[in-house]
């Protein structure tokens, strides 16, 4: 989800809630402790220099169980970040701590902002010898392709 999409969603909400993909709710008393821009400049395993940009949010839950972040307050934090940091409209990355700090993507399911799993990947598979994925076929499909029926002229 891009920052502009989140701002549109927040503008129509009465309260903000986050959950994990499995439905586990982030405690309602969460704080957004950071909003920032992450610029990543790196070289991949194939030698290509790359850059990535993301808008980063950090969620944190404390012992302050009476805390509730209203949508308008989060919008104000985002607007201040855009003004003071020059935050651009990029993909949102959310940091949230379970057993360790995890990085998540963000979607909206109509009632909650959902922290989505992110995956690593090789960016230079063509240069580091990783074979392309072979299509998976069912044995019945192979038999249908190679079967010889009487009168077909294949034998």
C-alpha atoms as a PDB file:
ATOM      1  CA  UNK A   1       0.000   0.000   0.000  1.00  0.00           C
ATOM      2  CA  UNK A   2       1.260   3.458  -0.853  1.00  0.00           C
ATOM      3  CA  UNK A   3       1.171   6.358   1.592  1.00  0.00           C
ATOM      4  CA  UNK A   4      -1.499   8.164  -0.456  1.00  0.00           C
ATOM      5  CA  UNK A   5      -3.763   5.087  -0.203  1.00  0.00           C
ATOM      6  CA  UNK A   6      -3.341   4.962   3.568  1.00  0.00           C
ATOM      7  CA  UNK A   7      -4.215   8.648   3.879  1.00  0.00           C
ATOM      8  CA  UNK A   8      -7.412   8.088   1.884  1.00  0.00           C
ATOM      9  CA  UNK A   9      -8.382   5.124   4.076  1.00  0.00           C
ATOM     10  CA  UNK A  10      -7.628   6.980   7.312  1.00  0.00           C
ATOM     11  CA  UNK A  11      -9.792   9.910   6.217  1.00  0.00           C
ATOM     12  CA  UNK A  12     -12.834   7.601   6.208  1.00  0.00           C
ATOM     13  CA  UNK A  13     -12.208   5.780   9.504  1.00  0.00           C
ATOM     14  CA  UNK A  14     -13.545   6.387  13.005  1.00  0.00           C
ATOM     15  CA  UNK A  15     -10.786   4.331  14.635  1.00  0.00           C
ATOM     16  CA  UNK A  16      -7.523   2.709  13.563  1.00  0.00           C
ATOM     17  CA  UNK A  17      -6.766  -0.965  14.080  1.00  0.00           C
ATOM     18  CA  UNK A  18      -3.966  -3.196  12.863  1.00  0.00           C
ATOM     19  CA  UNK A  19      -3.830  -6.972  12.656  1.00  0.00           C
ATOM     20  CA  UNK A  20      -1.503  -9.659  11.402  1.00  0.00           C
ATOM     21  CA  UNK A  21      -2.432 -11.841   8.404  1.00  0.00           C
ATOM     22  CA  UNK A  22      -3.527 -14.663  10.700  1.00  0.00           C
ATOM     23  CA  UNK A  23      -6.102 -12.333  12.288  1.00  0.00           C
ATOM     24  CA  UNK A  24      -4.146 -11.651  15.479  1.00  0.00           C
ATOM     25  CA  UNK A  25      -4.880  -8.077  16.505  1.00  0.00           C
ATOM     26  CA  UNK A  26      -2.149  -5.592  17.278  1.00  0.00           C
ATOM     27  CA  UNK A  27      -3.093  -4.329  20.759  1.00  0.00           C
ATOM     28  CA  UNK A  28      -5.496  -1.388  20.463  1.00  0.00           C
ATOM     29  CA  UNK A  29      -3.197   0.720  22.636  1.00  0.00           C
ATOM     30  CA  UNK A  30      -0.383   0.702  20.022  1.00  0.00           C
ATOM     31  CA  UNK A  31       1.699   3.791  19.367  1.00  0.00           C
ATOM     32  CA  UNK A  32       3.182   4.850  16.041  1.00  0.00           C
ATOM     33  CA  UNK A  33       6.640   5.683  17.365  1.00  0.00           C
ATOM     34  CA  UNK A  34       8.287   6.511  14.045  1.00  0.00           C
ATOM     35  CA  UNK A  35       7.335   7.625  10.566  1.00  0.00           C
ATOM     36  CA  UNK A  36      10.199   7.994   8.165  1.00  0.00           C
ATOM     37  CA  UNK A  37      11.734   7.565   4.755  1.00  0.00           C
ATOM     38  CA  UNK A  38      14.024   4.613   4.122  1.00  0.00           C
ATOM     39  CA  UNK A  39      16.404   4.933   1.196  1.00  0.00           C
ATOM     40  CA  UNK A  40      18.276   1.736   0.469  1.00  0.00           C
ATOM     41  CA  UNK A  41      21.277   1.835  -1.876  1.00  0.00           C
ATOM     42  CA  UNK A  42      22.796  -1.583  -2.485  1.00  0.00           C
ATOM     43  CA  UNK A  43      24.417  -3.955  -4.910  1.00  0.00           C
ATOM     44  CA  UNK A  44      22.822  -7.308  -5.680  1.00  0.00           C
ATOM     45  CA  UNK A  45      24.631 -10.641  -6.050  1.00  0.00           C
ATOM     46  CA  UNK A  46      24.870 -10.088  -9.815  1.00  0.00           C
ATOM     47  CA  UNK A  47      26.691  -6.775  -9.411  1.00  0.00           C
ATOM     48  CA  UNK A  48      23.768  -4.479 -10.261  1.00  0.00           C
ATOM     49  CA  UNK A  49      23.540  -1.312  -8.168  1.00  0.00           C
ATOM     50  CA  UNK A  50      19.993  -0.689  -6.999  1.00  0.00           C
ATOM     51  CA  UNK A  51      17.994   1.762  -4.915  1.00  0.00           C
ATOM     52  CA  UNK A  52      14.723   1.329  -3.061  1.00  0.00           C
ATOM     53  CA  UNK A  53      12.522   3.832  -1.273  1.00  0.00           C
ATOM     54  CA  UNK A  54       9.910   3.042   1.366  1.00  0.00           C
ATOM     55  CA  UNK A  55       7.853   4.929   3.903  1.00  0.00           C
ATOM     56  CA  UNK A  56       8.463   3.345   7.276  1.00  0.00           C
ATOM     57  CA  UNK A  57       6.093   3.139  10.236  1.00  0.00           C
ATOM     58  CA  UNK A  58       7.049   1.619  13.559  1.00  0.00           C
ATOM     59  CA  UNK A  59       4.281   0.237  15.774  1.00  0.00           C
ATOM     60  CA  UNK A  60       4.877  -0.255  19.479  1.00  0.00           C
ATOM     61  CA  UNK A  61       2.678  -1.371  22.333  1.00  0.00           C
ATOM     62  CA  UNK A  62       3.376  -0.236  25.863  1.00  0.00           C
ATOM     63  CA  UNK A  63       1.814  -0.627  29.263  1.00  0.00           C
ATOM     64  CA  UNK A  64      -0.261   2.471  28.494  1.00  0.00           C
ATOM     65  CA  UNK A  65      -3.415   0.444  27.791  1.00  0.00           C
ATOM     66  CA  UNK A  66      -5.643   3.546  27.736  1.00  0.00           C
ATOM     67  CA  UNK A  67      -3.813   4.938  24.688  1.00  0.00           C
ATOM     68  CA  UNK A  68      -5.773   5.028  21.410  1.00  0.00           C
ATOM     69  CA  UNK A  69      -4.525   6.599  18.203  1.00  0.00           C
ATOM     70  CA  UNK A  70      -7.302   8.329  16.300  1.00  0.00           C
ATOM     71  CA  UNK A  71      -7.202   8.367  12.490  1.00  0.00           C
ATOM     72  CA  UNK A  72      -6.957  12.172  12.437  1.00  0.00           C
ATOM     73  CA  UNK A  73      -3.940  12.051  14.793  1.00  0.00           C
ATOM     74  CA  UNK A  74      -2.172   9.539  12.520  1.00  0.00           C
ATOM     75  CA  UNK A  75      -2.992  11.707   9.516  1.00  0.00           C
ATOM     76  CA  UNK A  76      -1.476  14.691  11.342  1.00  0.00           C
ATOM     77  CA  UNK A  77       1.699  12.685  12.042  1.00  0.00           C
ATOM     78  CA  UNK A  78       1.895  11.694   8.357  1.00  0.00           C
ATOM     79  CA  UNK A  79       1.313  15.270   7.183  1.00  0.00           C
ATOM     80  CA  UNK A  80       4.016  16.556   9.541  1.00  0.00           C
ATOM     81  CA  UNK A  81       6.391  13.873   8.234  1.00  0.00           C
ATOM     82  CA  UNK A  82       5.686  14.896   4.648  1.00  0.00           C
ATOM     83  CA  UNK A  83       6.338  18.535   5.521  1.00  0.00           C
ATOM     84  CA  UNK A  84       9.424  18.129   7.725  1.00  0.00           C
ATOM     85  CA  UNK A  85      11.073  15.094   6.103  1.00  0.00           C
ATOM     86  CA  UNK A  86       9.977  15.596   2.514  1.00  0.00           C
ATOM     87  CA  UNK A  87       8.265  12.205   2.692  1.00  0.00           C
ATOM     88  CA  UNK A  88       7.285  10.985  -0.792  1.00  0.00           C
ATOM     89  CA  UNK A  89       4.398   8.748  -1.800  1.00  0.00           C
ATOM     90  CA  UNK A  90       6.075   5.360  -1.502  1.00  0.00           C
ATOM     91  CA  UNK A  91       5.191   1.839  -0.477  1.00  0.00           C
ATOM     92  CA  UNK A  92       4.654   1.502   3.251  1.00  0.00           C
ATOM     93  CA  UNK A  93       6.806  -0.806   5.315  1.00  0.00           C
ATOM     94  CA  UNK A  94       5.736  -1.438   8.914  1.00  0.00           C
ATOM     95  CA  UNK A  95       8.066  -2.498  11.708  1.00  0.00           C
ATOM     96  CA  UNK A  96       6.336  -4.430  14.468  1.00  0.00           C
ATOM     97  CA  UNK A  97       7.781  -6.551  17.227  1.00  0.00           C
ATOM     98  CA  UNK A  98       6.595 -10.057  17.913  1.00  0.00           C
ATOM     99  CA  UNK A  99       9.493 -12.335  18.947  1.00  0.00           C
ATOM    100  CA  UNK A 100      11.827  -9.921  17.133  1.00  0.00           C
ATOM    101  CA  UNK A 101      11.327  -6.834  14.991  1.00  0.00           C
ATOM    102  CA  UNK A 102       9.648  -7.818  11.751  1.00  0.00           C
ATOM    103  CA  UNK A 103       9.116  -5.841   8.565  1.00  0.00           C
ATOM    104  CA  UNK A 104       5.686  -6.078   7.011  1.00  0.00           C
ATOM    105  CA  UNK A 105       3.794  -4.756   4.031  1.00  0.00           C
ATOM    106  CA  UNK A 106       0.383  -3.178   4.563  1.00  0.00           C
ATOM    107  CA  UNK A 107      -3.084  -3.803   3.133  1.00  0.00           C
ATOM    108  CA  UNK A 108      -6.613  -2.939   4.204  1.00  0.00           C
ATOM    109  CA  UNK A 109      -9.339  -5.584   4.501  1.00  0.00           C
ATOM    110  CA  UNK A 110     -12.277  -3.193   4.925  1.00  0.00           C
ATOM    111  CA  UNK A 111     -12.093  -3.026   8.711  1.00  0.00           C
ATOM    112  CA  UNK A 112      -8.444  -3.336   9.739  1.00  0.00           C
ATOM    113  CA  UNK A 113      -5.014  -2.422   8.423  1.00  0.00           C
ATOM    114  CA  UNK A 114      -3.299  -5.774   7.905  1.00  0.00           C
ATOM    115  CA  UNK A 115       0.437  -6.334   8.328  1.00  0.00           C
ATOM    116  CA  UNK A 116       1.392  -8.625   5.441  1.00  0.00           C
ATOM    117  CA  UNK A 117       4.370 -10.956   5.203  1.00  0.00           C
ATOM    118  CA  UNK A 118       7.314  -9.875   3.084  1.00  0.00           C
ATOM    119  CA  UNK A 119       9.647 -12.293   1.339  1.00  0.00           C
ATOM    120  CA  UNK A 120      13.277 -12.132   0.301  1.00  0.00           C
ATOM    121  CA  UNK A 121      14.269 -12.927  -3.273  1.00  0.00           C
ATOM    122  CA  UNK A 122      17.348 -13.085  -5.450  1.00  0.00           C
ATOM    123  CA  UNK A 123      17.335 -10.081  -7.780  1.00  0.00           C
ATOM    124  CA  UNK A 124      19.898 -11.548 -10.176  1.00  0.00           C
ATOM    125  CA  UNK A 125      18.738 -15.120 -10.751  1.00  0.00           C
ATOM    126  CA  UNK A 126      19.896 -14.907 -14.369  1.00  0.00           C
ATOM    127  CA  UNK A 127      23.475 -14.224 -13.224  1.00  0.00           C
ATOM    128  CA  UNK A 128      24.013 -16.465 -10.217  1.00  0.00           C
ATOM    129  CA  UNK A 129      23.054 -19.853 -11.627  1.00  0.00           C
ATOM    130  CA  UNK A 130      19.637 -20.342 -10.078  1.00  0.00           C
ATOM    131  CA  UNK A 131      17.605 -22.450 -12.508  1.00  0.00           C
ATOM    132  CA  UNK A 132      14.261 -21.137 -13.670  1.00  0.00           C
ATOM    133  CA  UNK A 133      11.302 -22.808 -12.012  1.00  0.00           C
ATOM    134  CA  UNK A 134      10.082 -25.768 -13.998  1.00  0.00           C
ATOM    135  CA  UNK A 135       6.343 -25.949 -14.624  1.00  0.00           C
ATOM    136  CA  UNK A 136       4.644 -28.560 -12.469  1.00  0.00           C
ATOM    137  CA  UNK A 137       2.555 -31.042 -14.403  1.00  0.00           C
ATOM    138  CA  UNK A 138       0.208 -33.722 -13.170  1.00  0.00           C
ATOM    139  CA  UNK A 139       0.971 -37.280 -14.189  1.00  0.00           C
ATOM    140  CA  UNK A 140      -2.480 -37.507 -15.780  1.00  0.00           C
ATOM    141  CA  UNK A 141      -1.618 -34.536 -18.027  1.00  0.00           C
ATOM    142  CA  UNK A 142       1.611 -36.187 -19.142  1.00  0.00           C
ATOM    143  CA  UNK A 143      -0.196 -39.441 -19.884  1.00  0.00           C
ATOM    144  CA  UNK A 144      -2.831 -37.579 -21.879  1.00  0.00           C
ATOM    145  CA  UNK A 145      -0.133 -35.838 -23.948  1.00  0.00           C
ATOM    146  CA  UNK A 146       1.845 -38.996 -24.686  1.00  0.00           C
ATOM    147  CA  UNK A 147      -0.903 -41.573 -24.965  1.00  0.00           C
ATOM    148  CA  UNK A 148      -1.365 -43.318 -28.231  1.00  0.00           C
ATOM    149  CA  UNK A 149      -4.910 -44.270 -29.093  1.00  0.00           C
ATOM    150  CA  UNK A 150      -5.895 -46.865 -31.661  1.00  0.00           C
ATOM    151  CA  UNK A 151      -6.281 -45.353 -35.124  1.00  0.00           C
ATOM    152  CA  UNK A 152      -4.418 -42.118 -34.229  1.00  0.00           C
ATOM    153  CA  UNK A 153      -1.425 -43.013 -36.377  1.00  0.00           C
ATOM    154  CA  UNK A 154       1.084 -42.510 -33.591  1.00  0.00           C
ATOM    155  CA  UNK A 155       2.279 -46.135 -33.472  1.00  0.00           C
END
